[in-house]
Amino acid sequence: MIARNGSPSLFTAYGPQTMREPLTADEVTTFVGRIDEWIERHPGTCIAVALSAGVALGWLIKRR
């Protein structure tokens, strides 16, 4: 798609696979709600991921 100034839009020039329009407020709210539901249903997994991330971060800091 060509914009009014004659230059192609980055979104349409490269296609939706590489660039995406920003999320709307409704999409963000839906996404956050889904994350919240997932955390409530899988608390053990969330704890394991948090501990793993903490260990990895600690290792990176110590290595530096």
N, C-alpha and C. Protein backbone atom coordinates (compact mmCIF):
# COMPACT_ATOMS: atom_id res chain seq x y z
N MET A 1 0.85 -1.18 0.00
CA MET A 1 0.00 0.00 0.00
C MET A 1 0.89 1.24 0.00
N ILE A 2 0.55 2.19 -0.82
CA ILE A 2 1.33 3.42 -0.92
C ILE A 2 0.64 4.50 -0.10
N ALA A 3 1.41 5.16 0.74
CA ALA A 3 0.87 6.24 1.56
C ALA A 3 0.62 7.47 0.69
N ARG A 4 -0.02 8.46 1.26
CA ARG A 4 -0.35 9.68 0.51
C ARG A 4 0.89 10.43 0.04
N ASN A 5 2.00 10.31 0.79
CA ASN A 5 3.21 11.01 0.38
C ASN A 5 4.00 10.24 -0.67
N GLY A 6 3.51 9.09 -1.09
CA GLY A 6 4.14 8.34 -2.16
C GLY A 6 5.07 7.23 -1.68
N SER A 7 5.35 7.16 -0.39
CA SER A 7 6.24 6.11 0.10
C SER A 7 5.41 4.95 0.64
N PRO A 8 5.89 3.74 0.45
CA PRO A 8 5.12 2.59 0.94
C PRO A 8 5.14 2.52 2.46
N SER A 9 4.06 2.04 3.01
CA SER A 9 3.98 1.84 4.45
C SER A 9 4.86 0.65 4.83
N LEU A 10 5.59 0.77 5.94
CA LEU A 10 6.44 -0.34 6.37
C LEU A 10 5.62 -1.58 6.68
N PHE A 11 4.45 -1.39 7.28
CA PHE A 11 3.62 -2.53 7.65
C PHE A 11 3.19 -3.32 6.42
N THR A 12 2.73 -2.61 5.39
CA THR A 12 2.23 -3.31 4.21
C THR A 12 3.35 -3.71 3.27
N ALA A 13 4.48 -2.98 3.30
CA ALA A 13 5.57 -3.30 2.39
C ALA A 13 6.21 -4.65 2.73
N TYR A 14 6.35 -4.93 4.00
CA TYR A 14 7.01 -6.16 4.40
C TYR A 14 6.05 -7.25 4.84
N GLY A 15 4.80 -6.94 4.95
CA GLY A 15 3.81 -7.93 5.31
C GLY A 15 3.66 -8.11 6.80
N PRO A 16 2.59 -8.74 7.21
CA PRO A 16 2.31 -8.88 8.64
C PRO A 16 3.22 -9.88 9.35
N GLN A 17 4.02 -10.65 8.60
CA GLN A 17 4.89 -11.63 9.26
C GLN A 17 6.05 -10.95 10.00
N THR A 18 6.54 -9.83 9.48
CA THR A 18 7.70 -9.20 10.10
C THR A 18 7.34 -7.97 10.92
N MET A 19 6.27 -7.29 10.59
CA MET A 19 5.89 -6.11 11.34
C MET A 19 4.41 -6.20 11.69
N ARG A 20 4.06 -5.72 12.84
CA ARG A 20 2.67 -5.81 13.29
C ARG A 20 2.23 -4.46 13.80
N GLU A 21 0.99 -4.15 13.56
CA GLU A 21 0.45 -2.91 14.10
C GLU A 21 0.40 -3.01 15.62
N PRO A 22 0.51 -1.90 16.32
CA PRO A 22 0.48 -1.94 17.79
C PRO A 22 -0.84 -2.53 18.31
N LEU A 23 -0.77 -3.15 19.47
CA LEU A 23 -1.96 -3.73 20.08
C LEU A 23 -2.90 -2.63 20.54
N THR A 24 -4.18 -2.90 20.43
CA THR A 24 -5.17 -1.96 20.96
C THR A 24 -5.33 -2.20 22.45
N ALA A 25 -5.98 -1.29 23.14
CA ALA A 25 -6.18 -1.44 24.58
C ALA A 25 -6.98 -2.70 24.90
N ASP A 26 -7.97 -3.03 24.07
CA ASP A 26 -8.76 -4.24 24.30
C ASP A 26 -7.90 -5.50 24.16
N GLU A 27 -7.02 -5.52 23.17
CA GLU A 27 -6.15 -6.68 22.99
C GLU A 27 -5.18 -6.85 24.16
N VAL A 28 -4.67 -5.74 24.67
CA VAL A 28 -3.76 -5.80 25.82
C VAL A 28 -4.50 -6.33 27.04
N THR A 29 -5.72 -5.84 27.26
CA THR A 29 -6.52 -6.29 28.40
C THR A 29 -6.81 -7.78 28.30
N THR A 30 -7.15 -8.25 27.11
CA THR A 30 -7.42 -9.67 26.90
C THR A 30 -6.16 -10.50 27.16
N PHE A 31 -5.03 -10.03 26.66
CA PHE A 31 -3.76 -10.74 26.84
C PHE A 31 -3.39 -10.84 28.31
N VAL A 32 -3.52 -9.74 29.04
CA VAL A 32 -3.20 -9.73 30.47
C VAL A 32 -4.15 -10.65 31.23
N GLY A 33 -5.42 -10.65 30.84
CA GLY A 33 -6.39 -11.54 31.48
C GLY A 33 -6.05 -13.00 31.27
N ARG A 34 -5.59 -13.33 30.08
CA ARG A 34 -5.21 -14.72 29.80
C ARG A 34 -3.98 -15.13 30.62
N ILE A 35 -3.03 -14.22 30.75
CA ILE A 35 -1.85 -14.51 31.56
C ILE A 35 -2.27 -14.74 33.01
N ASP A 36 -3.15 -13.88 33.51
CA ASP A 36 -3.62 -14.00 34.89
C ASP A 36 -4.31 -15.35 35.12
N GLU A 37 -5.15 -15.76 34.18
CA GLU A 37 -5.83 -17.06 34.29
C GLU A 37 -4.81 -18.20 34.29
N TRP A 38 -3.83 -18.11 33.41
CA TRP A 38 -2.83 -19.17 33.31
C TRP A 38 -2.04 -19.29 34.61
N ILE A 39 -1.69 -18.15 35.21
CA ILE A 39 -0.94 -18.17 36.47
C ILE A 39 -1.78 -18.81 37.58
N GLU A 40 -3.08 -18.52 37.61
CA GLU A 40 -3.95 -19.12 38.62
C GLU A 40 -4.08 -20.63 38.45
N ARG A 41 -4.07 -21.09 37.21
CA ARG A 41 -4.23 -22.52 36.94
C ARG A 41 -2.94 -23.31 37.09
N HIS A 42 -1.78 -22.66 36.94
CA HIS A 42 -0.50 -23.36 36.95
C HIS A 42 0.49 -22.69 37.91
N PRO A 43 0.18 -22.62 39.19
CA PRO A 43 1.09 -21.93 40.12
C PRO A 43 2.44 -22.62 40.27
N GLY A 44 2.46 -23.94 40.23
CA GLY A 44 3.72 -24.67 40.36
C GLY A 44 4.68 -24.38 39.23
N THR A 45 4.14 -24.31 38.02
CA THR A 45 4.97 -24.00 36.86
C THR A 45 5.54 -22.59 36.97
N CYS A 46 4.72 -21.66 37.43
CA CYS A 46 5.17 -20.28 37.58
C CYS A 46 6.30 -20.17 38.60
N ILE A 47 6.18 -20.92 39.69
CA ILE A 47 7.24 -20.91 40.71
C ILE A 47 8.52 -21.50 40.13
N ALA A 48 8.40 -22.59 39.40
CA ALA A 48 9.58 -23.22 38.80
C ALA A 48 10.26 -22.29 37.80
N VAL A 49 9.48 -21.60 36.99
CA VAL A 49 10.04 -20.67 36.01
C VAL A 49 10.73 -19.51 36.72
N ALA A 50 10.10 -18.99 37.77
CA ALA A 50 10.69 -17.87 38.52
C ALA A 50 12.01 -18.29 39.17
N LEU A 51 12.04 -19.48 39.76
CA LEU A 51 13.28 -19.97 40.37
C LEU A 51 14.37 -20.19 39.33
N SER A 52 14.00 -20.76 38.20
CA SER A 52 14.97 -20.99 37.13
C SER A 52 15.53 -19.67 36.61
N ALA A 53 14.65 -18.70 36.44
CA ALA A 53 15.10 -17.38 35.96
C ALA A 53 16.02 -16.73 36.98
N GLY A 54 15.70 -16.88 38.26
CA GLY A 54 16.55 -16.32 39.31
C GLY A 54 17.92 -16.96 39.34
N VAL A 55 17.97 -18.28 39.19
CA VAL A 55 19.25 -18.99 39.17
C VAL A 55 20.06 -18.56 37.95
N ALA A 56 19.41 -18.47 36.79
CA ALA A 56 20.12 -18.06 35.58
C ALA A 56 20.65 -16.64 35.71
N LEU A 57 19.84 -15.75 36.24
CA LEU A 57 20.27 -14.36 36.42
C LEU A 57 21.43 -14.28 37.41
N GLY A 58 21.34 -15.03 38.50
CA GLY A 58 22.42 -15.05 39.47
C GLY A 58 23.71 -15.58 38.87
N TRP A 59 23.60 -16.61 38.05
CA TRP A 59 24.77 -17.17 37.39
C TRP A 59 25.40 -16.16 36.44
N LEU A 60 24.55 -15.44 35.69
CA LEU A 60 25.07 -14.43 34.77
C LEU A 60 25.77 -13.29 35.52
N ILE A 61 25.18 -12.86 36.63
CA ILE A 61 25.78 -11.78 37.41
C ILE A 61 27.11 -12.24 38.01
N LYS A 62 27.14 -13.46 38.55
CA LYS A 62 28.36 -13.99 39.15
C LYS A 62 29.46 -14.15 38.09
N ARG A 63 29.07 -14.57 36.91
CA ARG A 63 30.02 -14.81 35.82
C ARG A 63 30.67 -13.52 35.35
N ARG A 64 29.95 -12.44 35.47
CA ARG A 64 30.44 -11.14 35.00
C ARG A 64 31.57 -10.73 35.89
